[in-house]
Amino acid sequence: MLRRAAWHLRAAVEAGDDVDALRRQVMAEVYRVLSIHLGTPPETFIWQWRDRDGLFTRGGEMTPRQFAAQYVLTDLAD
Protein backbone atom coordinates (compact mmCIF):
# COMPACT_ATOMS: atom_id res chain seq x y z
CA MET A 1 0.00 0.00 0.00
CA LEU A 2 2.79 2.43 0.89
CA ARG A 3 4.80 1.61 -2.22
CA ARG A 4 1.74 2.11 -4.40
CA ALA A 5 1.01 5.44 -2.68
CA ALA A 6 4.61 6.60 -3.14
CA TRP A 7 4.44 5.71 -6.82
CA HIS A 8 1.19 7.66 -7.23
CA LEU A 9 2.61 10.65 -5.35
CA ARG A 10 5.74 10.73 -7.51
CA ALA A 11 3.62 10.48 -10.65
CA ALA A 12 1.39 13.31 -9.42
CA VAL A 13 4.41 15.55 -8.77
CA GLU A 14 5.77 14.89 -12.26
CA ALA A 15 2.36 15.56 -13.84
CA GLY A 16 1.83 18.72 -11.79
CA ASP A 17 -1.38 17.37 -10.21
CA ASP A 18 -2.78 18.28 -6.79
CA VAL A 19 -0.39 16.40 -4.50
CA ASP A 20 -1.93 17.70 -1.29
CA ALA A 21 -5.32 16.08 -1.94
CA LEU A 22 -3.64 12.80 -2.86
CA ARG A 23 -1.49 12.94 0.26
CA ARG A 24 -4.59 13.43 2.44
CA GLN A 25 -6.25 10.46 0.75
CA VAL A 26 -3.19 8.26 1.34
CA MET A 27 -2.95 9.32 5.00
CA ALA A 28 -6.65 8.53 5.51
CA GLU A 29 -6.09 5.07 4.04
CA VAL A 30 -3.04 4.47 6.26
CA TYR A 31 -4.99 5.65 9.32
CA ARG A 32 -7.85 3.28 8.44
CA VAL A 33 -5.53 0.27 8.13
CA LEU A 34 -3.69 1.08 11.37
CA SER A 35 -6.99 1.59 13.20
CA ILE A 36 -8.24 -1.78 12.01
CA HIS A 37 -5.10 -3.57 13.20
CA LEU A 38 -4.16 -1.57 16.30
CA GLY A 39 -7.47 0.01 17.33
CA THR A 40 -8.37 3.67 17.30
CA PRO A 41 -6.09 5.96 19.29
CA PRO A 42 -7.41 7.16 22.65
CA GLU A 43 -8.91 10.64 22.84
CA THR A 44 -7.75 11.04 26.45
CA PHE A 45 -5.65 9.02 28.89
CA ILE A 46 -4.40 9.23 32.47
CA TRP A 47 -0.65 9.84 32.58
CA GLN A 48 1.09 8.33 35.61
CA TRP A 49 4.61 7.11 36.26
CA ARG A 50 7.23 6.19 38.87
CA ASP A 51 10.41 8.24 38.97
CA ARG A 52 13.92 6.95 39.62
CA ASP A 53 13.35 7.04 43.37
CA GLY A 54 10.18 4.94 43.04
CA LEU A 55 7.89 7.88 43.82
CA PHE A 56 4.51 7.48 42.13
CA THR A 57 3.29 10.56 40.26
CA ARG A 58 0.06 11.14 38.40
CA GLY A 59 -0.07 13.82 35.70
CA GLY A 60 -3.82 13.60 35.34
CA GLU A 61 -6.09 13.10 32.37
CA MET A 62 -4.88 14.67 29.14
CA THR A 63 -5.12 14.42 25.38
CA PRO A 64 -2.18 13.26 23.25
CA ARG A 65 -1.65 16.86 22.08
CA GLN A 66 -1.57 18.14 25.66
CA PHE A 67 0.94 15.41 26.54
CA ALA A 68 3.16 16.36 23.60
CA ALA A 69 3.02 20.05 24.50
CA GLN A 70 3.93 19.38 28.13
CA TYR A 71 6.39 16.46 27.97
CA VAL A 72 7.93 16.27 24.49
CA LEU A 73 11.02 18.45 24.60
CA THR A 74 11.90 18.56 20.90
CA ASP A 75 10.16 20.38 18.11
CA LEU A 76 8.46 17.69 16.00
CA ALA A 77 8.53 19.97 12.95
CA ASP A 78 12.33 19.61 12.89
PDB file of N, CA and C in Angstrom:
ATOM      1  N   MET A   1       0.818  -1.182   0.000  1.00  0.00           N
ATOM      2  CA  MET A   1       0.000   0.000   0.000  1.00  0.00           C
ATOM      3  C   MET A   1       0.867   1.253   0.000  1.00  0.00           C
ATOM      4  N   LEU A   2       1.914   1.257   0.827  1.00  0.00           N
ATOM      5  CA  LEU A   2       2.786   2.435   0.894  1.00  0.00           C
ATOM      6  C   LEU A   2       3.601   2.612  -0.390  1.00  0.00           C
ATOM      7  N   ARG A   3       4.054   1.509  -0.964  1.00  0.00           N
ATOM      8  CA  ARG A   3       4.800   1.612  -2.225  1.00  0.00           C
ATOM      9  C   ARG A   3       3.907   2.150  -3.340  1.00  0.00           C
ATOM     10  N   ARG A   4       2.680   1.648  -3.390  1.00  0.00           N
ATOM     11  CA  ARG A   4       1.744   2.114  -4.404  1.00  0.00           C
ATOM     12  C   ARG A   4       1.452   3.610  -4.211  1.00  0.00           C
ATOM     13  N   ALA A   5       1.276   4.025  -2.962  1.00  0.00           N
ATOM     14  CA  ALA A   5       1.013   5.436  -2.679  1.00  0.00           C
ATOM     15  C   ALA A   5       2.205   6.296  -3.064  1.00  0.00           C
ATOM     16  N   ALA A   6       3.416   5.838  -2.766  1.00  0.00           N
ATOM     17  CA  ALA A   6       4.610   6.599  -3.137  1.00  0.00           C
ATOM     18  C   ALA A   6       4.712   6.727  -4.657  1.00  0.00           C
ATOM     19  N   TRP A   7       4.390   5.659  -5.359  1.00  0.00           N
ATOM     20  CA  TRP A   7       4.440   5.707  -6.818  1.00  0.00           C
ATOM     21  C   TRP A   7       3.426   6.726  -7.346  1.00  0.00           C
ATOM     22  N   HIS A   8       2.218   6.712  -6.795  1.00  0.00           N
ATOM     23  CA  HIS A   8       1.186   7.662  -7.227  1.00  0.00           C
ATOM     24  C   HIS A   8       1.582   9.102  -6.892  1.00  0.00           C
ATOM     25  N   LEU A   9       2.183   9.303  -5.730  1.00  0.00           N
ATOM     26  CA  LEU A   9       2.613  10.653  -5.353  1.00  0.00           C
ATOM     27  C   LEU A   9       3.713  11.167  -6.273  1.00  0.00           C
ATOM     28  N   ARG A  10       4.676  10.308  -6.586  1.00  0.00           N
ATOM     29  CA  ARG A  10       5.742  10.727  -7.506  1.00  0.00           C
ATOM     30  C   ARG A  10       5.175  11.059  -8.877  1.00  0.00           C
ATOM     31  N   ALA A  11       4.242  10.238  -9.342  1.00  0.00           N
ATOM     32  CA  ALA A  11       3.625  10.484 -10.647  1.00  0.00           C
ATOM     33  C   ALA A  11       2.827  11.787 -10.634  1.00  0.00           C
ATOM     34  N   ALA A  12       2.166  12.082  -9.521  1.00  0.00           N
ATOM     35  CA  ALA A  12       1.394  13.313  -9.420  1.00  0.00           C
ATOM     36  C   ALA A  12       2.297  14.537  -9.416  1.00  0.00           C
ATOM     37  N   VAL A  13       3.456  14.428  -8.775  1.00  0.00           N
ATOM     38  CA  VAL A  13       4.407  15.547  -8.771  1.00  0.00           C
ATOM     39  C   VAL A  13       4.919  15.808 -10.183  1.00  0.00           C
ATOM     40  N   GLU A  14       5.275  14.740 -10.885  1.00  0.00           N
ATOM     41  CA  GLU A  14       5.770  14.894 -12.256  1.00  0.00           C
ATOM     42  C   GLU A  14       4.708  15.467 -13.185  1.00  0.00           C
ATOM     43  N   ALA A  15       3.445  15.089 -12.971  1.00  0.00           N
ATOM     44  CA  ALA A  15       2.361  15.558 -13.836  1.00  0.00           C
ATOM     45  C   ALA A  15       1.863  16.941 -13.419  1.00  0.00           C
ATOM     46  N   GLY A  16       2.273  17.414 -12.260  1.00  0.00           N
ATOM     47  CA  GLY A  16       1.828  18.716 -11.787  1.00  0.00           C
ATOM     48  C   GLY A  16       0.420  18.685 -11.209  1.00  0.00           C
ATOM     49  N   ASP A  17      -0.040  17.510 -10.790  1.00  0.00           N
ATOM     50  CA  ASP A  17      -1.376  17.366 -10.209  1.00  0.00           C
ATOM     51  C   ASP A  17      -1.393  17.850  -8.764  1.00  0.00           C
ATOM     52  N   ASP A  18      -2.604  17.850  -8.177  1.00  0.00           N
ATOM     53  CA  ASP A  18      -2.779  18.279  -6.792  1.00  0.00           C
ATOM     54  C   ASP A  18      -2.256  17.201  -5.845  1.00  0.00           C
ATOM     55  N   VAL A  19      -1.044  17.384  -5.353  1.00  0.00           N
ATOM     56  CA  VAL A  19      -0.393  16.399  -4.502  1.00  0.00           C
ATOM     57  C   VAL A  19      -0.987  16.419  -3.099  1.00  0.00           C
ATOM     58  N   ASP A  20      -1.417  17.585  -2.636  1.00  0.00           N
ATOM     59  CA  ASP A  20      -1.934  17.700  -1.286  1.00  0.00           C
ATOM     60  C   ASP A  20      -3.201  16.859  -1.091  1.00  0.00           C
ATOM     61  N   ALA A  21      -4.095  16.888  -2.043  1.00  0.00           N
ATOM     62  CA  ALA A  21      -5.321  16.080  -1.943  1.00  0.00           C
ATOM     63  C   ALA A  21      -4.990  14.592  -1.965  1.00  0.00           C
ATOM     64  N   LEU A  22      -4.052  14.202  -2.801  1.00  0.00           N
ATOM     65  CA  LEU A  22      -3.645  12.797  -2.865  1.00  0.00           C
ATOM     66  C   LEU A  22      -2.971  12.363  -1.568  1.00  0.00           C
ATOM     67  N   ARG A  23      -2.163  13.245  -1.006  1.00  0.00           N
ATOM     68  CA  ARG A  23      -1.488  12.942   0.264  1.00  0.00           C
ATOM     69  C   ARG A  23      -2.515  12.744   1.374  1.00  0.00           C
ATOM     70  N   ARG A  24      -3.534  13.594   1.431  1.00  0.00           N
ATOM     71  CA  ARG A  24      -4.585  13.431   2.440  1.00  0.00           C
ATOM     72  C   ARG A  24      -5.314  12.095   2.279  1.00  0.00           C
ATOM     73  N   GLN A  25      -5.571  11.723   1.039  1.00  0.00           N
ATOM     74  CA  GLN A  25      -6.253  10.458   0.754  1.00  0.00           C
ATOM     75  C   GLN A  25      -5.399   9.277   1.218  1.00  0.00           C
ATOM     76  N   VAL A  26      -4.105   9.331   0.931  1.00  0.00           N
ATOM     77  CA  VAL A  26      -3.193   8.262   1.344  1.00  0.00           C
ATOM     78  C   VAL A  26      -3.122   8.183   2.866  1.00  0.00           C
ATOM     79  N   MET A  27      -3.023   9.321   3.541  1.00  0.00           N
ATOM     80  CA  MET A  27      -2.954   9.322   4.998  1.00  0.00           C
ATOM     81  C   MET A  27      -4.238   8.783   5.619  1.00  0.00           C
ATOM     82  N   ALA A  28      -5.382   9.075   5.020  1.00  0.00           N
ATOM     83  CA  ALA A  28      -6.651   8.535   5.514  1.00  0.00           C
ATOM     84  C   ALA A  28      -6.682   7.016   5.364  1.00  0.00           C
ATOM     85  N   GLU A  29      -6.138   6.512   4.261  1.00  0.00           N
ATOM     86  CA  GLU A  29      -6.091   5.066   4.043  1.00  0.00           C
ATOM     87  C   GLU A  29      -5.142   4.392   5.035  1.00  0.00           C
ATOM     88  N   VAL A  30      -3.995   5.007   5.288  1.00  0.00           N
ATOM     89  CA  VAL A  30      -3.041   4.472   6.258  1.00  0.00           C
ATOM     90  C   VAL A  30      -3.655   4.476   7.655  1.00  0.00           C
ATOM     91  N   TYR A  31      -4.330   5.558   8.018  1.00  0.00           N
ATOM     92  CA  TYR A  31      -4.985   5.654   9.321  1.00  0.00           C
ATOM     93  C   TYR A  31      -6.040   4.550   9.465  1.00  0.00           C
ATOM     94  N   ARG A  32      -6.820   4.313   8.408  1.00  0.00           N
ATOM     95  CA  ARG A  32      -7.855   3.280   8.439  1.00  0.00           C
ATOM     96  C   ARG A  32      -7.240   1.902   8.689  1.00  0.00           C
ATOM     97  N   VAL A  33      -6.168   1.579   7.976  1.00  0.00           N
ATOM     98  CA  VAL A  33      -5.526   0.272   8.131  1.00  0.00           C
ATOM     99  C   VAL A  33      -4.941   0.118   9.536  1.00  0.00           C
ATOM    100  N   LEU A  34      -4.270   1.152  10.024  1.00  0.00           N
ATOM    101  CA  LEU A  34      -3.694   1.079  11.369  1.00  0.00           C
ATOM    102  C   LEU A  34      -4.783   0.973  12.434  1.00  0.00           C
ATOM    103  N   SER A  35      -5.893   1.668  12.232  1.00  0.00           N
ATOM    104  CA  SER A  35      -6.989   1.591  13.197  1.00  0.00           C
ATOM    105  C   SER A  35      -7.615   0.204  13.225  1.00  0.00           C
ATOM    106  N   ILE A  36      -7.702  -0.422  12.068  1.00  0.00           N
ATOM    107  CA  ILE A  36      -8.244  -1.780  12.011  1.00  0.00           C
ATOM    108  C   ILE A  36      -7.344  -2.744  12.781  1.00  0.00           C
ATOM    109  N   HIS A  37      -6.033  -2.619  12.606  1.00  0.00           N
ATOM    110  CA  HIS A  37      -5.098  -3.573  13.200  1.00  0.00           C
ATOM    111  C   HIS A  37      -4.722  -3.243  14.640  1.00  0.00           C
ATOM    112  N   LEU A  38      -4.625  -1.958  14.969  1.00  0.00           N
ATOM    113  CA  LEU A  38      -4.164  -1.570  16.300  1.00  0.00           C
ATOM    114  C   LEU A  38      -5.260  -0.986  17.183  1.00  0.00           C
ATOM    115  N   GLY A  39      -6.406  -0.660  16.596  1.00  0.00           N
ATOM    116  CA  GLY A  39      -7.474   0.012  17.332  1.00  0.00           C
ATOM    117  C   GLY A  39      -7.345   1.517  17.167  1.00  0.00           C
ATOM    118  N   THR A  40      -8.420   2.209  17.429  1.00  0.00           N
ATOM    119  CA  THR A  40      -8.373   3.669  17.298  1.00  0.00           C
ATOM    120  C   THR A  40      -7.591   4.264  18.461  1.00  0.00           C
ATOM    121  N   PRO A  41      -6.862   5.337  18.220  1.00  0.00           N
ATOM    122  CA  PRO A  41      -6.085   5.959  19.294  1.00  0.00           C
ATOM    123  C   PRO A  41      -7.015   6.550  20.360  1.00  0.00           C
ATOM    124  N   PRO A  42      -6.569   6.592  21.599  1.00  0.00           N
ATOM    125  CA  PRO A  42      -7.412   7.159  22.648  1.00  0.00           C
ATOM    126  C   PRO A  42      -7.545   8.673  22.493  1.00  0.00           C
ATOM    127  N   GLU A  43      -8.714   9.189  22.869  1.00  0.00           N
ATOM    128  CA  GLU A  43      -8.909  10.635  22.840  1.00  0.00           C
ATOM    129  C   GLU A  43      -8.303  11.277  24.078  1.00  0.00           C
ATOM    130  N   THR A  44      -8.383  10.587  25.216  1.00  0.00           N
ATOM    131  CA  THR A  44      -7.750  11.039  26.453  1.00  0.00           C
ATOM    132  C   THR A  44      -7.170   9.825  27.172  1.00  0.00           C
ATOM    133  N   PHE A  45      -6.234  10.081  28.068  1.00  0.00           N
ATOM    134  CA  PHE A  45      -5.654   9.023  28.887  1.00  0.00           C
ATOM    135  C   PHE A  45      -5.170   9.629  30.191  1.00  0.00           C
ATOM    136  N   ILE A  46      -4.926   8.779  31.181  1.00  0.00           N
ATOM    137  CA  ILE A  46      -4.398   9.228  32.470  1.00  0.00           C
ATOM    138  C   ILE A  46      -2.906   8.932  32.481  1.00  0.00           C
ATOM    139  N   TRP A  47      -2.105   9.966  32.598  1.00  0.00           N
ATOM    140  CA  TRP A  47      -0.648   9.836  32.583  1.00  0.00           C
ATOM    141  C   TRP A  47      -0.151   9.693  34.010  1.00  0.00           C
ATOM    142  N   GLN A  48       0.519   8.578  34.288  1.00  0.00           N
ATOM    143  CA  GLN A  48       1.086   8.330  35.609  1.00  0.00           C
ATOM    144  C   GLN A  48       2.390   7.559  35.445  1.00  0.00           C
ATOM    145  N   TRP A  49       3.308   7.747  36.379  1.00  0.00           N
ATOM    146  CA  TRP A  49       4.610   7.111  36.264  1.00  0.00           C
ATOM    147  C   TRP A  49       5.282   7.032  37.630  1.00  0.00           C
ATOM    148  N   ARG A  50       6.353   6.241  37.688  1.00  0.00           N
ATOM    149  CA  ARG A  50       7.227   6.187  38.867  1.00  0.00           C
ATOM    150  C   ARG A  50       8.577   6.765  38.458  1.00  0.00           C
ATOM    151  N   ASP A  51       9.114   7.642  39.283  1.00  0.00           N
ATOM    152  CA  ASP A  51      10.410   8.237  38.973  1.00  0.00           C
ATOM    153  C   ASP A  51      11.537   7.318  39.411  1.00  0.00           C
ATOM    154  N   ARG A  52      12.758   7.781  39.295  1.00  0.00           N
ATOM    155  CA  ARG A  52      13.923   6.950  39.624  1.00  0.00           C
ATOM    156  C   ARG A  52      13.958   6.524  41.077  1.00  0.00           C
ATOM    157  N   ASP A  53      13.365   7.355  41.946  1.00  0.00           N
ATOM    158  CA  ASP A  53      13.348   7.041  43.366  1.00  0.00           C
ATOM    159  C   ASP A  53      12.161   6.162  43.748  1.00  0.00           C
ATOM    160  N   GLY A  54      11.328   5.783  42.771  1.00  0.00           N
ATOM    161  CA  GLY A  54      10.179   4.936  43.043  1.00  0.00           C
ATOM    162  C   GLY A  54       8.945   5.712  43.470  1.00  0.00           C
ATOM    163  N   LEU A  55       9.013   7.040  43.417  1.00  0.00           N
ATOM    164  CA  LEU A  55       7.891   7.877  43.819  1.00  0.00           C
ATOM    165  C   LEU A  55       6.833   7.882  42.711  1.00  0.00           C
ATOM    166  N   PHE A  56       5.604   7.531  43.085  1.00  0.00           N
ATOM    167  CA  PHE A  56       4.507   7.479  42.128  1.00  0.00           C
ATOM    168  C   PHE A  56       3.964   8.884  41.898  1.00  0.00           C
ATOM    169  N   THR A  57       3.804   9.246  40.629  1.00  0.00           N
ATOM    170  CA  THR A  57       3.293  10.565  40.260  1.00  0.00           C
ATOM    171  C   THR A  57       2.191  10.388  39.229  1.00  0.00           C
ATOM    172  N   ARG A  58       1.156  11.188  39.366  1.00  0.00           N
ATOM    173  CA  ARG A  58       0.064  11.141  38.404  1.00  0.00           C
ATOM    174  C   ARG A  58      -0.065  12.524  37.767  1.00  0.00           C
ATOM    175  N   GLY A  59       0.042  12.564  36.430  1.00  0.00           N
ATOM    176  CA  GLY A  59      -0.067  13.823  35.703  1.00  0.00           C
ATOM    177  C   GLY A  59      -1.497  14.210  35.413  1.00  0.00           C
ATOM    178  N   GLY A  60      -2.429  13.299  35.583  1.00  0.00           N
ATOM    179  CA  GLY A  60      -3.825  13.603  35.339  1.00  0.00           C
ATOM    180  C   GLY A  60      -4.263  13.197  33.947  1.00  0.00           C
ATOM    181  N   GLU A  61      -5.532  13.461  33.668  1.00  0.00           N
ATOM    182  CA  GLU A  61      -6.093  13.104  32.367  1.00  0.00           C
ATOM    183  C   GLU A  61      -5.719  14.170  31.350  1.00  0.00           C
ATOM    184  N   MET A  62      -5.278  13.735  30.187  1.00  0.00           N
ATOM    185  CA  MET A  62      -4.881  14.672  29.137  1.00  0.00           C
ATOM    186  C   MET A  62      -5.065  14.042  27.770  1.00  0.00           C
ATOM    187  N   THR A  63      -5.046  14.888  26.759  1.00  0.00           N
ATOM    188  CA  THR A  63      -5.119  14.422  25.382  1.00  0.00           C
ATOM    189  C   THR A  63      -3.699  14.173  24.881  1.00  0.00           C
ATOM    190  N   PRO A  64      -3.532  13.444  23.791  1.00  0.00           N
ATOM    191  CA  PRO A  64      -2.184  13.257  23.249  1.00  0.00           C
ATOM    192  C   PRO A  64      -1.498  14.581  22.885  1.00  0.00           C
ATOM    193  N   ARG A  65      -2.252  15.555  22.408  1.00  0.00           N
ATOM    194  CA  ARG A  65      -1.649  16.861  22.080  1.00  0.00           C
ATOM    195  C   ARG A  65      -1.193  17.599  23.334  1.00  0.00           C
ATOM    196  N   GLN A  66      -1.978  17.527  24.402  1.00  0.00           N
ATOM    197  CA  GLN A  66      -1.567  18.144  25.659  1.00  0.00           C
ATOM    198  C   GLN A  66      -0.305  17.474  26.201  1.00  0.00           C
ATOM    199  N   PHE A  67      -0.245  16.142  26.100  1.00  0.00           N
ATOM    200  CA  PHE A  67       0.938  15.410  26.540  1.00  0.00           C
ATOM    201  C   PHE A  67       2.161  15.862  25.756  1.00  0.00           C
ATOM    202  N   ALA A  68       2.027  15.950  24.435  1.00  0.00           N
ATOM    203  CA  ALA A  68       3.161  16.363  23.598  1.00  0.00           C
ATOM    204  C   ALA A  68       3.609  17.778  23.945  1.00  0.00           C
ATOM    205  N   ALA A  69       2.669  18.674  24.172  1.00  0.00           N
ATOM    206  CA  ALA A  69       3.022  20.054  24.495  1.00  0.00           C
ATOM    207  C   ALA A  69       3.737  20.143  25.841  1.00  0.00           C
ATOM    208  N   GLN A  70       3.362  19.289  26.783  1.00  0.00           N
ATOM    209  CA  GLN A  70       3.929  19.378  28.126  1.00  0.00           C
ATOM    210  C   GLN A  70       5.207  18.550  28.295  1.00  0.00           C
ATOM    211  N   TYR A  71       5.294  17.370  27.663  1.00  0.00           N
ATOM    212  CA  TYR A  71       6.391  16.457  27.966  1.00  0.00           C
ATOM    213  C   TYR A  71       7.377  16.210  26.826  1.00  0.00           C
ATOM    214  N   VAL A  72       7.012  16.481  25.595  1.00  0.00           N
ATOM    215  CA  VAL A  72       7.933  16.269  24.492  1.00  0.00           C
ATOM    216  C   VAL A  72       8.809  17.504  24.378  1.00  0.00           C
ATOM    217  N   LEU A  73      10.110  17.308  24.512  1.00  0.00           N
ATOM    218  CA  LEU A  73      11.016  18.453  24.605  1.00  0.00           C
ATOM    219  C   LEU A  73      11.527  18.946  23.260  1.00  0.00           C
ATOM    220  N   THR A  74      11.403  18.151  22.219  1.00  0.00           N
ATOM    221  CA  THR A  74      11.903  18.563  20.903  1.00  0.00           C
ATOM    222  C   THR A  74      10.778  19.073  20.039  1.00  0.00           C
ATOM    223  N   ASP A  75      11.132  19.879  19.067  1.00  0.00           N
ATOM    224  CA  ASP A  75      10.160  20.384  18.107  1.00  0.00           C
ATOM    225  C   ASP A  75       9.952  19.330  17.037  1.00  0.00           C
ATOM    226  N   LEU A  76       8.738  18.772  16.947  1.00  0.00           N
ATOM    227  CA  LEU A  76       8.463  17.695  16.001  1.00  0.00           C
ATOM    228  C   LEU A  76       8.554  18.172  14.557  1.00  0.00           C
ATOM    229  N   ALA A  77       8.431  19.450  14.309  1.00  0.00           N
ATOM    230  CA  ALA A  77       8.531  19.967  12.953  1.00  0.00           C
ATOM    231  C   ALA A  77       9.957  19.812  12.416  1.00  0.00           C
ATOM    232  N   ASP A  78      10.944  19.777  13.320  1.00  0.00           N
ATOM    233  CA  ASP A  78      12.333  19.607  12.892  1.00  0.00           C
ATOM    234  C   ASP A  78      12.565  18.167  12.505  1.00  0.00           C
TER     235      ASP A  78
END
